[in-house]
Amino acid sequence: MEWVRSIDLPIGDWVEAIVNWILANLQPLLDAISAAIGFVSTSLEDFLLWLHPFVLAAILIAIGLWRVNWKFAVFVAVSLFVIMGMNLWEETVSTMALVVAAAFVALVIGFPIGVAMAKNDTVEAVVRPVLDFMQTMPPFVYLIPAAMFFGLGKVPGTIATVIFAMPPSVRLTNLGIRQVSHENVEAGLAFGCTDRQLLTKVQLPLALPSIMAGVNQTIMLALSMVVIASMIGAGGLGNTVLTGIQRLNIGLGFEGGLGVVIVAILLDRLTQSIGHMGRGESVFRKMVRVFRGQPSGAQAEGEAETKTTRTAS
């Protein structure tokens, strides 16, 4: 096997040379990216921390009641009480802000790419291997260029999270648009839709379940990156878990992990609920209907169909 060992591909040296060139020539671009992402993440975190804990808790409970049901609202209230009892409120808010900011940036970048992939097979053929590379690369590797390009702190943690969490939104946006039935597309064209109207009025609404599944997966991957990103100063609950690991403090690590689980459940249920509420229904009417115990729009339609079937039979 000596001949195998004689093969030398200095890929690591090439990558290091590229990184050094970027640091030497593209520093203004890196500063602009850092400023933009730092503004989004820092502003969101400052706003959430500025709100009184009970005010923010009431808002989250109301959103849970509005988007899901009263049982989930009770779960939100109990979960937030547990977080406050563990004295991890600020860490939880920081983690939630980091995840939401990273998911927002990932969607802003990934959604147009997914649409372009659905519209052009060449774009899909080019982007698909890149997405495969992004998803199979160990997440720890993303910390190296993020720290080299942007230093330590929340900004590189957010950027590493964006890169790690972006592929599902791109893939499922592409998949959802491509799975829209040909009959619906032909019907839109028959009614004189332009390409833009066909996308916004026909394809995107029908692809919404797949797109929201991509959003959900993006948020879940962002949460899975929280602990790893804490190694370069992202903070939040990841820092609590990391401290528990370093000190071999099982209790502290469990509390931080429990906080991450609670945030994951809250964001998961809320993103899954989007698209299930009756179309055109206002927030106020939704709240009133929930308090009265009336069925949702989809449930009401199902009950109406059942009654019609029974009457016909």
Foldseek 3Di string as FASTA:
>chain_A
DVVVVVDDDVPVVVVVVVLVVCVVPVLVVLVVLLVVLCCQLVVQLVVVVVDDLVVVLVVLLLLCCLLPANVVSVVSNVLSVVCVVVVQVSLLSSLLSLLVSLLVVLCVVQLVLLVVVLVDVVSVVVCVVVLVCLAPPPLLVQLVSLCVSPNFAQSSLSVSLNSNLNSLLSVLSSVQLNPQDPVQLVVCVVVPDDPVCCVPVTRCLSSVLSNLVSSLSSSVSSLVSLLSSVVRHSGGLSVQLVVCVVVVPVVSNVSSVSSSVSSSVSVNSNSNSPPVADPPDDSVNSSVCSVVVHDGPVVVVVVVVVVVVVVVD
